[in-house]
Amino acid sequence: MALIGTAALLFVLGLMISPVYTQDLSTQCGDNYTNVISSTNFGLTVSSQNLTANTNYTVTVNGLNDTKTVILRAQSNNSPVGTWQNATGVTNCSLGIAFNANSTTNTTNWTSPGSVNSSVTLSVYILNGTGTNTNVANVTINYVAPTPSSNTTENVTTLCNQNPINATTAGNFTVTVSPQNLVANTSYKVTVNGLNDTKTVILRAQLNNSSVGTWQNATGVTTCDLGIAFSANSTTNTTNWTSPGSVNSSVILSVYILNGTGTNTNVASVTIIYVAPTPSSNTTATTKSSSSLSTPPFSMCIALMQTFALLVIIKRLTT
């Protein structure tokens, strides 16, 4: 009878104690764990190890051989980041999520934040017993800083207006123009050839070191005081430039190809040659000729008068 009473008491106590771990997931989720040991019995994998903003990642915990309490966290610079999937049986807390795993493979999803600038470490904690001894596995989603780009409107406008630094003559690309003779108020086709990847291109037209003419205003083209700028994404890029209404010397078209932030620049130039018109002598000659015919020289008038007077004298003498 005493044995039956003791067994009943233990059974009741077991019912009271065993649910604690399930019902206390919120507390366990937010705990800072000590006595953490790296585990070789289970693993943590993520669908991609390259970090991109606002991207969904599949996170999988493998190798659990019985029911365990699992804590998952995502941290960058020691602070929780991103959003974990809110699923049935999953408890969310400020540090991550917690759930009771009942299979060898458990999968959930984590979404990266809208803005990222450093790598994120995903950690899984497997609680043993009361959770004072914890196995941990980590995986890092690497953030790779993008190459500084000048493709934003703000940067392109700034680069378009600045004087290029460390400009060197280009060997891999060319700029051509058609036609090559400068005439006022004429459209010219300007082509940049030989670009092998996306570059920021700046085009300028200068006469006596001053910007002249008008560049074509097209989609994706930024216009500034000194010329135009655009992101070239093909090997051949063509635009149009219109000469000013009055010209009196040659115009130099220059293309600047920006590398990186634009502090190192390759440059190529082509000249639209101005040919001054040759002064014509036809008008002067014609005027002079007609003038000679319409107005007799004074000396001719004197000679005619003298001849007339001589004829008068001869007539009188003969009568």
Protein backbone atom coordinates (compact mmCIF):
# COMPACT_ATOMS: atom_id res chain seq x y z
CA MET A 1 0.00 0.00 0.00
CA ALA A 2 2.88 2.33 0.84
CA LEU A 3 4.54 1.48 -2.49
CA ILE A 4 1.37 2.32 -4.40
CA GLY A 5 1.08 5.66 -2.59
CA THR A 6 4.71 6.51 -3.33
CA ALA A 7 4.32 5.62 -7.00
CA ALA A 8 1.21 7.73 -7.29
CA LEU A 9 3.02 10.66 -5.68
CA LEU A 10 5.95 10.34 -8.09
CA PHE A 11 3.55 10.17 -11.05
CA VAL A 12 1.82 13.35 -9.96
CA LEU A 13 5.16 15.09 -9.44
CA GLY A 14 6.23 13.96 -12.90
CA LEU A 15 3.16 15.50 -14.46
CA MET A 16 3.89 18.72 -12.64
CA ILE A 17 7.55 18.87 -13.60
CA SER A 18 7.68 17.50 -17.16
CA PRO A 19 5.64 20.25 -18.84
CA VAL A 20 7.95 22.96 -17.48
CA TYR A 21 10.36 22.83 -20.43
CA THR A 22 7.56 23.06 -22.99
CA GLN A 23 5.72 25.84 -21.24
CA ASP A 24 8.90 27.81 -20.44
CA LEU A 25 10.21 28.15 -23.98
CA SER A 26 9.93 31.95 -23.77
CA THR A 27 12.32 32.07 -20.81
CA GLN A 28 14.73 29.61 -22.41
CA CYS A 29 14.62 31.58 -25.66
CA GLY A 30 15.83 34.72 -23.91
CA ASP A 31 18.45 33.15 -21.65
CA ASN A 32 22.18 33.81 -21.97
CA TYR A 33 23.68 30.35 -21.97
CA THR A 34 26.79 29.35 -20.04
CA ASN A 35 28.73 26.08 -20.21
CA VAL A 36 28.27 26.14 -23.98
CA ILE A 37 30.12 23.38 -25.82
CA SER A 38 30.50 22.92 -29.55
CA SER A 39 28.63 19.94 -30.87
CA THR A 40 29.75 17.32 -33.35
CA ASN A 41 26.51 15.36 -33.13
CA PHE A 42 24.29 17.76 -35.00
CA GLY A 43 24.72 20.43 -37.62
CA LEU A 44 23.31 23.73 -38.75
CA THR A 45 23.01 24.62 -42.43
CA VAL A 46 21.62 27.60 -44.34
CA SER A 47 20.40 27.73 -47.93
CA SER A 48 22.86 30.46 -48.93
CA GLN A 49 25.98 31.77 -47.27
CA ASN A 50 25.94 35.10 -49.08
CA LEU A 51 24.12 37.85 -47.23
CA THR A 52 21.70 40.02 -49.16
CA ALA A 53 19.24 42.49 -47.70
CA ASN A 54 15.59 41.45 -47.31
CA THR A 55 16.22 37.85 -48.42
CA ASN A 56 14.63 34.64 -47.16
CA TYR A 57 17.00 31.88 -45.97
CA THR A 58 16.11 28.26 -45.16
CA VAL A 59 17.75 27.19 -41.90
CA THR A 60 18.03 23.48 -41.11
CA VAL A 61 19.10 21.69 -37.91
CA ASN A 62 20.26 18.11 -38.56
CA GLY A 63 21.26 15.16 -36.40
CA LEU A 64 18.90 15.37 -33.43
CA ASN A 65 18.26 11.84 -32.18
CA ASP A 66 15.49 12.55 -29.67
CA THR A 67 13.25 15.35 -28.50
CA LYS A 68 15.32 18.46 -27.71
CA THR A 69 14.64 22.09 -27.05
CA VAL A 70 16.18 24.11 -29.87
CA ILE A 71 17.08 27.80 -29.71
CA LEU A 72 17.92 29.64 -32.94
CA ARG A 73 19.46 33.09 -33.09
CA ALA A 74 20.76 35.46 -35.79
CA GLN A 75 23.24 38.11 -34.72
CA SER A 76 25.30 40.80 -36.35
CA ASN A 77 27.77 42.75 -34.22
CA ASN A 78 26.33 40.95 -31.15
CA SER A 79 22.81 42.24 -31.81
CA PRO A 80 19.77 40.23 -32.98
CA VAL A 81 18.86 40.94 -36.61
CA GLY A 82 16.28 39.81 -39.13
CA THR A 83 12.98 38.00 -38.68
CA TRP A 84 12.34 34.36 -37.89
CA GLN A 85 9.40 32.42 -39.28
CA ASN A 86 6.40 32.48 -36.98
CA ALA A 87 5.13 28.89 -37.07
CA THR A 88 2.96 26.67 -34.89
CA GLY A 89 4.87 25.49 -31.83
CA VAL A 90 7.56 28.15 -32.23
CA THR A 91 8.11 30.72 -29.51
CA ASN A 92 9.53 34.09 -30.55
CA CYS A 93 11.59 36.25 -28.24
CA SER A 94 13.82 39.30 -28.60
CA LEU A 95 16.88 37.10 -29.20
CA GLY A 96 15.42 34.59 -31.66
CA ILE A 97 13.09 31.58 -31.56
CA ALA A 98 12.70 28.41 -29.50
CA PHE A 99 10.85 25.17 -30.21
CA ASN A 100 10.78 21.52 -29.23
CA ALA A 101 12.30 19.41 -31.99
CA ASN A 102 10.84 15.93 -32.37
CA SER A 103 12.57 14.78 -35.55
CA THR A 104 16.14 14.40 -36.74
CA THR A 105 15.79 17.25 -39.24
CA ASN A 106 14.07 20.52 -38.40
CA THR A 107 13.69 23.39 -40.86
CA THR A 108 12.59 27.00 -40.46
CA ASN A 109 13.09 30.29 -42.25
CA TRP A 110 14.91 33.50 -41.43
CA THR A 111 14.63 36.76 -43.39
CA SER A 112 17.53 39.19 -43.44
CA PRO A 113 16.94 42.85 -42.52
CA GLY A 114 16.20 45.48 -45.13
CA SER A 115 19.66 46.97 -44.78
CA VAL A 116 22.87 45.00 -44.21
CA ASN A 117 26.48 46.08 -43.81
CA SER A 118 28.16 43.19 -41.99
CA SER A 119 28.01 39.39 -41.82
CA VAL A 120 25.38 37.56 -39.77
CA THR A 121 26.06 34.56 -37.54
CA LEU A 122 23.26 32.02 -37.13
CA SER A 123 23.56 29.95 -33.97
CA VAL A 124 21.61 26.92 -32.77
CA TYR A 125 21.59 25.97 -29.10
CA ILE A 126 20.48 22.45 -28.14
CA LEU A 127 19.42 22.33 -24.51
CA ASN A 128 20.32 19.33 -22.36
CA GLY A 129 18.35 18.69 -19.19
CA THR A 130 17.55 22.02 -17.61
CA GLY A 131 19.50 23.95 -20.24
CA THR A 132 22.49 24.72 -18.02
CA ASN A 133 24.64 22.59 -20.34
CA THR A 134 24.20 23.56 -23.96
CA ASN A 135 25.55 22.34 -27.26
CA VAL A 136 25.99 24.95 -29.92
CA ALA A 137 26.64 25.06 -33.66
CA ASN A 138 27.19 28.18 -35.76
CA VAL A 139 27.09 29.13 -39.39
CA THR A 140 27.93 32.52 -40.89
CA ILE A 141 26.12 34.22 -43.73
CA ASN A 142 28.86 36.36 -45.21
CA TYR A 143 28.36 39.97 -46.15
CA VAL A 144 30.48 41.09 -49.08
CA ALA A 145 30.68 44.85 -49.39
CA PRO A 146 29.76 45.92 -52.93
CA THR A 147 32.40 47.60 -55.04
CA PRO A 148 31.94 51.35 -54.62
CA SER A 149 29.66 52.37 -57.39
CA SER A 150 29.03 55.70 -59.03
CA ASN A 151 25.78 54.59 -60.59
CA THR A 152 23.44 56.37 -58.21
CA THR A 153 22.04 59.64 -59.51
CA GLU A 154 23.72 61.62 -56.76
CA ASN A 155 27.18 60.15 -57.39
CA VAL A 156 26.91 60.35 -61.16
CA THR A 157 25.93 64.02 -60.96
CA THR A 158 28.87 64.74 -58.69
CA LEU A 159 31.31 62.87 -60.93
CA CYS A 160 29.85 64.50 -64.03
CA ASN A 161 30.72 67.95 -62.71
CA GLN A 162 34.10 67.28 -61.15
CA ASN A 163 37.49 67.52 -62.76
CA PRO A 164 38.74 63.93 -63.29
CA ILE A 165 41.71 63.00 -61.11
CA ASN A 166 44.64 60.89 -62.31
CA ALA A 167 43.26 60.72 -65.85
CA THR A 168 45.32 58.49 -68.12
CA THR A 169 45.06 57.90 -71.85
CA ALA A 170 42.92 54.88 -72.58
CA GLY A 171 44.17 51.86 -74.46
CA ASN A 172 41.09 49.64 -74.39
CA PHE A 173 38.35 51.89 -75.71
CA THR A 174 37.82 54.64 -78.27
CA VAL A 175 35.48 57.51 -79.01
CA THR A 176 34.38 58.31 -82.55
CA VAL A 177 32.23 61.06 -84.03
CA SER A 178 30.36 61.48 -87.28
CA PRO A 179 30.66 63.76 -89.19
CA GLN A 180 34.10 65.17 -88.33
CA ASN A 181 33.74 68.68 -89.72
CA LEU A 182 32.27 71.30 -87.43
CA VAL A 183 29.21 73.14 -88.69
CA ALA A 184 26.93 75.31 -86.58
CA ASN A 185 23.68 73.82 -85.26
CA THR A 186 24.43 70.30 -86.53
CA SER A 187 23.77 66.91 -84.86
CA TYR A 188 26.75 64.57 -84.40
CA LYS A 189 26.70 60.86 -83.58
CA VAL A 190 29.15 60.10 -80.76
CA THR A 191 30.09 56.46 -80.11
CA VAL A 192 32.15 54.91 -77.30
CA ASN A 193 33.57 51.49 -78.23
CA GLY A 194 35.46 48.75 -76.39
CA LEU A 195 33.92 48.71 -72.90
CA ASN A 196 34.08 45.14 -71.54
CA ASP A 197 31.87 45.57 -68.45
CA THR A 198 29.65 48.10 -66.74
CA LYS A 199 31.40 51.44 -66.42
CA THR A 200 30.39 55.00 -65.67
CA VAL A 201 30.98 57.13 -68.76
CA ILE A 202 31.29 60.92 -68.82
CA LEU A 203 31.16 62.80 -72.12
CA ARG A 204 32.16 66.43 -72.58
CA ALA A 205 32.35 68.85 -75.52
CA GLN A 206 34.66 71.82 -75.13
CA LEU A 207 35.63 74.81 -77.24
CA ASN A 208 38.44 76.98 -75.89
CA ASN A 209 38.11 75.11 -72.53
CA SER A 210 34.41 75.95 -72.20
CA SER A 211 31.48 73.56 -72.51
CA VAL A 212 29.53 74.01 -75.73
CA GLY A 213 26.61 72.47 -77.57
CA THR A 214 23.80 70.27 -76.32
CA TRP A 215 23.91 66.57 -75.45
CA GLN A 216 21.01 64.20 -76.09
CA ASN A 217 18.77 63.89 -73.03
CA ALA A 218 17.93 60.17 -72.89
CA THR A 219 16.71 57.70 -70.26
CA GLY A 220 19.49 56.83 -67.83
CA VAL A 221 21.58 59.85 -68.82
CA THR A 222 22.49 62.47 -66.23
CA THR A 223 23.05 65.97 -67.58
CA CYS A 224 25.37 68.39 -65.78
CA ASP A 225 27.02 71.74 -66.52
CA LEU A 226 30.08 70.09 -68.07
CA GLY A 227 28.41 67.35 -70.14
CA ILE A 228 26.59 64.07 -69.54
CA ALA A 229 27.18 60.89 -67.54
CA PHE A 230 25.64 57.44 -67.81
CA SER A 231 26.24 53.82 -66.84
CA ALA A 232 27.39 51.87 -69.89
CA ASN A 233 26.37 48.21 -69.91
CA SER A 234 27.37 47.22 -73.43
CA THR A 235 30.54 47.28 -75.51
CA THR A 236 29.21 50.01 -77.81
CA ASN A 237 27.35 53.07 -76.51
CA THR A 238 26.00 55.80 -78.78
CA THR A 239 24.55 59.24 -78.08
CA ASN A 240 24.11 62.54 -79.93
CA TRP A 241 25.60 66.00 -79.54
CA THR A 242 24.38 69.15 -81.28
CA SER A 243 26.83 71.94 -82.07
CA PRO A 244 26.08 75.52 -80.97
CA GLY A 245 24.41 78.02 -83.29
CA SER A 246 27.67 79.85 -83.89
CA VAL A 247 31.15 78.31 -84.19
CA ASN A 248 34.57 79.81 -84.80
CA SER A 249 37.04 77.11 -83.76
CA SER A 250 37.33 73.33 -83.39
CA VAL A 251 35.52 71.39 -80.64
CA ILE A 252 37.13 68.59 -78.61
CA LEU A 253 34.87 65.72 -77.52
CA SER A 254 36.27 63.80 -74.54
CA VAL A 255 35.09 60.57 -72.92
CA TYR A 256 36.12 59.70 -69.37
CA ILE A 257 35.75 56.10 -68.19
CA LEU A 258 35.60 55.94 -64.40
CA ASN A 259 37.24 53.12 -62.45
CA GLY A 260 35.98 52.32 -58.94
CA THR A 261 35.04 55.58 -57.27
CA GLY A 262 36.16 57.64 -60.24
CA THR A 263 39.44 58.78 -58.69
CA ASN A 264 41.30 56.89 -61.44
CA THR A 265 40.07 57.74 -64.90
CA ASN A 266 40.85 56.74 -68.46
CA VAL A 267 40.30 59.34 -71.14
CA ALA A 268 40.01 59.40 -74.92
CA SER A 269 39.34 62.41 -77.13
CA VAL A 270 38.33 63.25 -80.68
CA THR A 271 38.28 66.65 -82.38
CA ILE A 272 35.51 67.99 -84.62
CA ILE A 273 37.52 70.24 -86.89
CA TYR A 274 36.36 73.76 -87.68
CA VAL A 275 37.40 75.01 -91.12
CA ALA A 276 37.10 78.76 -91.51
CA PRO A 277 35.36 79.68 -94.78
CA THR A 278 37.73 80.97 -97.52
CA PRO A 279 37.04 84.67 -98.34
CA SER A 280 35.50 84.85 -101.85
CA SER A 281 36.76 87.39 -104.47
CA ASN A 282 33.85 86.97 -106.89
CA THR A 283 31.71 89.71 -105.44
CA THR A 284 34.54 92.22 -105.40
CA ALA A 285 35.60 91.44 -108.94
CA THR A 286 32.07 91.67 -110.24
CA THR A 287 31.45 94.94 -108.46
CA LYS A 288 34.67 96.35 -109.71
CA SER A 289 33.97 95.27 -113.27
CA SER A 290 30.47 96.68 -113.30
CA SER A 291 31.73 99.87 -111.72
CA SER A 292 34.29 100.20 -114.48
CA LEU A 293 31.57 99.86 -117.11
CA SER A 294 29.01 102.21 -115.59
CA THR A 295 31.30 105.07 -114.58
CA PRO A 296 33.91 106.19 -117.24
CA PRO A 297 37.27 107.26 -115.86
CA PHE A 298 37.89 111.04 -115.62
CA SER A 299 40.85 110.85 -117.99
CA MET A 300 38.59 109.40 -120.68
CA CYS A 301 36.22 112.33 -120.31
CA ILE A 302 39.08 114.82 -120.79
CA ALA A 303 40.24 113.01 -123.92
CA LEU A 304 36.74 113.10 -125.43
CA MET A 305 36.41 116.82 -124.71
CA GLN A 306 39.76 117.54 -126.32
CA THR A 307 38.78 115.54 -129.42
CA PHE A 308 35.49 117.42 -129.70
CA ALA A 309 37.28 120.79 -129.41
CA LEU A 310 39.76 119.83 -132.11
CA LEU A 311 36.96 118.87 -134.49
CA VAL A 312 35.28 122.24 -133.96
CA ILE A 313 38.51 124.14 -134.78
CA ILE A 314 39.08 122.11 -137.94
CA LYS A 315 35.55 122.77 -139.16
CA ARG A 316 35.94 126.57 -138.71
CA LEU A 317 39.22 126.61 -140.54
CA THR A 318 37.74 124.82 -143.51
CA THR A 319 34.72 127.08 -143.89
